[in-house]
Amino acid sequence: MEDLSKIESLRALQENFKPLENTNIIHRQRLSPLDKLALFVTEKIGTLGFFFIIFTWTTVWLGWNMLTPNNFRFDPYPAFVLWLFISNLIQIHLMPLIMIGQNIQGKHAQLRAEHDFETDKKAEKEIETILLHLENQQKLILKILEKVSP
């Protein structure tokens, strides 16, 4: 029969593994105000709603300057210089912010992965301990049955 002292107790398991923390809270606490701004921009720009806003703005702008009489146009066809300038400004300013936000989201994903790994290691050890306890109980039950049975 296996020595029961070799099986870790719940207290020993708790001492070997630190308590699990909420990775979302840890991640939020590490964010600077500029990180929060980059995340906000990344989350809002990366939506279908923002795409429709840009699409609508472009359609109205180009439609107005192509279809209205010449004296009402403010960015005449075919050059669309003002539209290109504004579009490029939007892109130039949003691209780095989106990339920063994606890097921050990647760090959060890495933190979650590390947390999941620690959780899995702890769960594996707990399951192993439970199985060892069950094996010992089964051996004890069989021993008792041998003594009770004629």
C-alpha atoms as a PDB file:
ATOM      1  CA  MET A   1       0.000   0.000   0.000  1.00  0.00           C
ATOM      2  CA  GLU A   2       1.198   3.464  -0.851  1.00  0.00           C
ATOM      3  CA  ASP A   3       2.364   5.732   1.931  1.00  0.00           C
ATOM      4  CA  LEU A   4      -0.325   8.337   2.623  1.00  0.00           C
ATOM      5  CA  SER A   5       2.304  10.868   3.664  1.00  0.00           C
ATOM      6  CA  LYS A   6       3.446  11.113   0.030  1.00  0.00           C
ATOM      7  CA  ILE A   7       0.085  12.534  -1.039  1.00  0.00           C
ATOM      8  CA  GLU A   8      -0.051  16.303  -0.856  1.00  0.00           C
ATOM      9  CA  SER A   9      -2.692  17.842   1.323  1.00  0.00           C
ATOM     10  CA  LEU A  10      -4.889  20.734   0.293  1.00  0.00           C
ATOM     11  CA  ARG A  11      -2.817  23.048   2.485  1.00  0.00           C
ATOM     12  CA  ALA A  12       0.395  21.935   0.747  1.00  0.00           C
ATOM     13  CA  LEU A  13      -1.200  22.560  -2.652  1.00  0.00           C
ATOM     14  CA  GLN A  14      -2.263  26.041  -1.583  1.00  0.00           C
ATOM     15  CA  GLU A  15       1.249  26.793  -0.359  1.00  0.00           C
ATOM     16  CA  ASN A  16       2.849  25.602  -3.611  1.00  0.00           C
ATOM     17  CA  PHE A  17       0.591  27.672  -5.849  1.00  0.00           C
ATOM     18  CA  LYS A  18      -0.111  31.342  -5.416  1.00  0.00           C
ATOM     19  CA  PRO A  19      -3.772  32.374  -5.418  1.00  0.00           C
ATOM     20  CA  LEU A  20      -5.196  33.053  -8.845  1.00  0.00           C
ATOM     21  CA  GLU A  21      -5.712  36.675  -9.782  1.00  0.00           C
ATOM     22  CA  ASN A  22      -8.097  38.338 -12.188  1.00  0.00           C
ATOM     23  CA  THR A  23      -5.999  39.117 -15.274  1.00  0.00           C
ATOM     24  CA  ASN A  24      -8.439  41.779 -16.449  1.00  0.00           C
ATOM     25  CA  ILE A  25      -7.935  43.757 -13.243  1.00  0.00           C
ATOM     26  CA  ILE A  26      -4.150  43.351 -13.408  1.00  0.00           C
ATOM     27  CA  HIS A  27      -4.145  44.488 -17.036  1.00  0.00           C
ATOM     28  CA  ARG A  28      -6.335  47.520 -16.314  1.00  0.00           C
ATOM     29  CA  GLN A  29      -4.131  48.578 -13.396  1.00  0.00           C
ATOM     30  CA  ARG A  30      -1.039  48.535 -15.615  1.00  0.00           C
ATOM     31  CA  LEU A  31      -2.548  50.836 -18.252  1.00  0.00           C
ATOM     32  CA  SER A  32      -1.421  54.442 -18.463  1.00  0.00           C
ATOM     33  CA  PRO A  33      -3.873  57.143 -19.600  1.00  0.00           C
ATOM     34  CA  LEU A  34      -2.261  57.103 -23.059  1.00  0.00           C
ATOM     35  CA  ASP A  35      -2.632  53.306 -23.220  1.00  0.00           C
ATOM     36  CA  LYS A  36      -6.311  53.701 -22.366  1.00  0.00           C
ATOM     37  CA  LEU A  37      -6.680  56.271 -25.158  1.00  0.00           C
ATOM     38  CA  ALA A  38      -4.986  53.938 -27.661  1.00  0.00           C
ATOM     39  CA  LEU A  39      -7.262  51.065 -26.601  1.00  0.00           C
ATOM     40  CA  PHE A  40     -10.349  53.269 -26.864  1.00  0.00           C
ATOM     41  CA  VAL A  41      -9.386  54.365 -30.377  1.00  0.00           C
ATOM     42  CA  THR A  42      -8.556  50.788 -31.422  1.00  0.00           C
ATOM     43  CA  GLU A  43     -11.876  49.470 -30.111  1.00  0.00           C
ATOM     44  CA  LYS A  44     -13.963  52.243 -31.695  1.00  0.00           C
ATOM     45  CA  ILE A  45     -12.146  52.465 -35.043  1.00  0.00           C
ATOM     46  CA  GLY A  46     -12.226  48.711 -35.511  1.00  0.00           C
ATOM     47  CA  THR A  47     -16.013  48.589 -35.712  1.00  0.00           C
ATOM     48  CA  LEU A  48     -18.399  48.307 -38.601  1.00  0.00           C
ATOM     49  CA  GLY A  49     -20.079  51.504 -37.371  1.00  0.00           C
ATOM     50  CA  PHE A  50     -16.887  53.504 -37.936  1.00  0.00           C
ATOM     51  CA  PHE A  51     -16.517  51.958 -41.377  1.00  0.00           C
ATOM     52  CA  PHE A  52     -20.048  53.111 -42.269  1.00  0.00           C
ATOM     53  CA  ILE A  53     -19.300  56.610 -40.971  1.00  0.00           C
ATOM     54  CA  ILE A  54     -16.208  56.865 -43.201  1.00  0.00           C
ATOM     55  CA  PHE A  55     -18.042  55.265 -46.126  1.00  0.00           C
ATOM     56  CA  THR A  56     -20.992  57.653 -45.778  1.00  0.00           C
ATOM     57  CA  TRP A  57     -18.688  60.677 -45.421  1.00  0.00           C
ATOM     58  CA  THR A  58     -16.743  59.653 -48.541  1.00  0.00           C
ATOM     59  CA  THR A  59     -19.892  58.944 -50.549  1.00  0.00           C
ATOM     60  CA  VAL A  60     -21.522  62.261 -49.613  1.00  0.00           C
ATOM     61  CA  TRP A  61     -18.302  64.231 -50.203  1.00  0.00           C
ATOM     62  CA  LEU A  62     -17.543  62.684 -53.576  1.00  0.00           C
ATOM     63  CA  GLY A  63     -21.186  62.645 -54.638  1.00  0.00           C
ATOM     64  CA  TRP A  64     -21.630  66.331 -53.763  1.00  0.00           C
ATOM     65  CA  ASN A  65     -18.517  67.364 -55.636  1.00  0.00           C
ATOM     66  CA  MET A  66     -19.337  65.273 -58.706  1.00  0.00           C
ATOM     67  CA  LEU A  67     -23.090  65.722 -59.070  1.00  0.00           C
ATOM     68  CA  THR A  68     -23.924  69.237 -57.889  1.00  0.00           C
ATOM     69  CA  PRO A  69     -23.605  72.286 -60.167  1.00  0.00           C
ATOM     70  CA  ASN A  70     -20.049  73.650 -60.479  1.00  0.00           C
ATOM     71  CA  ASN A  71     -20.711  76.788 -58.413  1.00  0.00           C
ATOM     72  CA  PHE A  72     -21.741  74.625 -55.375  1.00  0.00           C
ATOM     73  CA  ARG A  73     -18.684  72.348 -55.479  1.00  0.00           C
ATOM     74  CA  PHE A  74     -15.902  72.979 -52.946  1.00  0.00           C
ATOM     75  CA  ASP A  75     -13.512  70.174 -54.006  1.00  0.00           C
ATOM     76  CA  PRO A  76     -13.986  69.818 -57.759  1.00  0.00           C
ATOM     77  CA  TYR A  77     -13.793  66.561 -59.680  1.00  0.00           C
ATOM     78  CA  PRO A  78     -11.415  64.910 -60.777  1.00  0.00           C
ATOM     79  CA  ALA A  79      -8.686  66.076 -58.345  1.00  0.00           C
ATOM     80  CA  PHE A  80     -10.493  65.829 -54.948  1.00  0.00           C
ATOM     81  CA  VAL A  81      -7.385  67.320 -53.314  1.00  0.00           C
ATOM     82  CA  LEU A  82      -9.102  68.361 -50.087  1.00  0.00           C
ATOM     83  CA  TRP A  83     -10.787  64.961 -49.691  1.00  0.00           C
ATOM     84  CA  LEU A  84      -7.454  63.159 -50.247  1.00  0.00           C
ATOM     85  CA  PHE A  85      -5.707  65.480 -47.783  1.00  0.00           C
ATOM     86  CA  ILE A  86      -8.304  64.929 -45.020  1.00  0.00           C
ATOM     87  CA  SER A  87      -8.452  61.171 -45.664  1.00  0.00           C
ATOM     88  CA  ASN A  88      -4.669  60.902 -45.455  1.00  0.00           C
ATOM     89  CA  LEU A  89      -4.587  62.916 -42.233  1.00  0.00           C
ATOM     90  CA  ILE A  90      -7.139  60.571 -40.677  1.00  0.00           C
ATOM     91  CA  GLN A  91      -5.151  57.529 -41.768  1.00  0.00           C
ATOM     92  CA  ILE A  92      -1.772  58.903 -40.687  1.00  0.00           C
ATOM     93  CA  HIS A  93      -3.049  59.715 -37.208  1.00  0.00           C
ATOM     94  CA  LEU A  94      -5.115  56.586 -36.628  1.00  0.00           C
ATOM     95  CA  MET A  95      -2.658  53.957 -37.898  1.00  0.00           C
ATOM     96  CA  PRO A  96      -0.067  54.355 -35.105  1.00  0.00           C
ATOM     97  CA  LEU A  97      -2.799  54.570 -32.463  1.00  0.00           C
ATOM     98  CA  ILE A  98      -4.402  51.380 -33.731  1.00  0.00           C
ATOM     99  CA  MET A  99      -1.030  49.611 -33.782  1.00  0.00           C
ATOM    100  CA  ILE A 100      -0.329  50.700 -30.195  1.00  0.00           C
ATOM    101  CA  GLY A 101      -3.778  49.515 -29.136  1.00  0.00           C
ATOM    102  CA  GLN A 102      -3.222  46.163 -30.810  1.00  0.00           C
ATOM    103  CA  ASN A 103       0.114  45.790 -28.994  1.00  0.00           C
ATOM    104  CA  ILE A 104      -1.644  46.478 -25.689  1.00  0.00           C
ATOM    105  CA  GLN A 105      -4.340  43.943 -26.556  1.00  0.00           C
ATOM    106  CA  GLY A 106      -1.557  41.455 -27.364  1.00  0.00           C
ATOM    107  CA  LYS A 107       0.007  42.015 -23.933  1.00  0.00           C
ATOM    108  CA  HIS A 108      -3.380  41.360 -22.355  1.00  0.00           C
ATOM    109  CA  ALA A 109      -3.735  38.140 -24.343  1.00  0.00           C
ATOM    110  CA  GLN A 110      -0.247  37.070 -23.208  1.00  0.00           C
ATOM    111  CA  LEU A 111      -1.160  37.787 -19.575  1.00  0.00           C
ATOM    112  CA  ARG A 112      -4.321  35.695 -19.954  1.00  0.00           C
ATOM    113  CA  ALA A 113      -2.324  32.851 -21.535  1.00  0.00           C
ATOM    114  CA  GLU A 114       0.168  32.857 -18.651  1.00  0.00           C
ATOM    115  CA  HIS A 115      -2.724  32.872 -16.177  1.00  0.00           C
ATOM    116  CA  ASP A 116      -4.383  29.965 -17.983  1.00  0.00           C
ATOM    117  CA  PHE A 117      -1.114  28.017 -17.888  1.00  0.00           C
ATOM    118  CA  GLU A 118      -0.771  28.552 -14.124  1.00  0.00           C
ATOM    119  CA  THR A 119      -4.401  27.537 -13.629  1.00  0.00           C
ATOM    120  CA  ASP A 120      -3.866  24.383 -15.683  1.00  0.00           C
ATOM    121  CA  LYS A 121      -0.740  23.447 -13.709  1.00  0.00           C
ATOM    122  CA  LYS A 122      -2.635  23.884 -10.440  1.00  0.00           C
ATOM    123  CA  ALA A 123      -5.637  21.907 -11.708  1.00  0.00           C
ATOM    124  CA  GLU A 124      -3.364  19.103 -12.924  1.00  0.00           C
ATOM    125  CA  LYS A 125      -1.730  18.826  -9.492  1.00  0.00           C
ATOM    126  CA  GLU A 126      -5.126  18.886  -7.749  1.00  0.00           C
ATOM    127  CA  ILE A 127      -6.466  16.154 -10.035  1.00  0.00           C
ATOM    128  CA  GLU A 128      -3.360  14.062  -9.444  1.00  0.00           C
ATOM    129  CA  THR A 129      -3.813  14.450  -5.692  1.00  0.00           C
ATOM    130  CA  ILE A 130      -7.484  13.491  -5.888  1.00  0.00           C
ATOM    131  CA  LEU A 131      -6.661  10.410  -7.970  1.00  0.00           C
ATOM    132  CA  LEU A 132      -4.004   9.330  -5.472  1.00  0.00           C
ATOM    133  CA  HIS A 133      -6.505   9.718  -2.650  1.00  0.00           C
ATOM    134  CA  LEU A 134      -9.067   7.679  -4.589  1.00  0.00           C
ATOM    135  CA  GLU A 135      -6.521   4.920  -5.262  1.00  0.00           C
ATOM    136  CA  ASN A 136      -5.667   4.749  -1.558  1.00  0.00           C
ATOM    137  CA  GLN A 137      -9.341   4.672  -0.623  1.00  0.00           C
ATOM    138  CA  GLN A 138      -9.923   1.854  -3.091  1.00  0.00           C
ATOM    139  CA  LYS A 139      -7.019  -0.125  -1.582  1.00  0.00           C
ATOM    140  CA  LEU A 140      -8.380   0.448   1.914  1.00  0.00           C
ATOM    141  CA  ILE A 141     -11.877  -0.609   0.872  1.00  0.00           C
ATOM    142  CA  LEU A 142     -10.531  -3.783  -0.726  1.00  0.00           C
ATOM    143  CA  LYS A 143      -8.501  -4.516   2.399  1.00  0.00           C
ATOM    144  CA  ILE A 144     -11.594  -4.046   4.569  1.00  0.00           C
ATOM    145  CA  LEU A 145     -13.635  -6.272   2.263  1.00  0.00           C
ATOM    146  CA  GLU A 146     -10.996  -9.011   2.473  1.00  0.00           C
ATOM    147  CA  LYS A 147     -11.221  -8.947   6.283  1.00  0.00           C
ATOM    148  CA  VAL A 148     -15.019  -8.881   6.337  1.00  0.00           C
ATOM    149  CA  SER A 149     -15.568 -11.557   3.667  1.00  0.00           C
ATOM    150  CA  PRO A 150     -15.270 -15.206   4.752  1.00  0.00           C
END
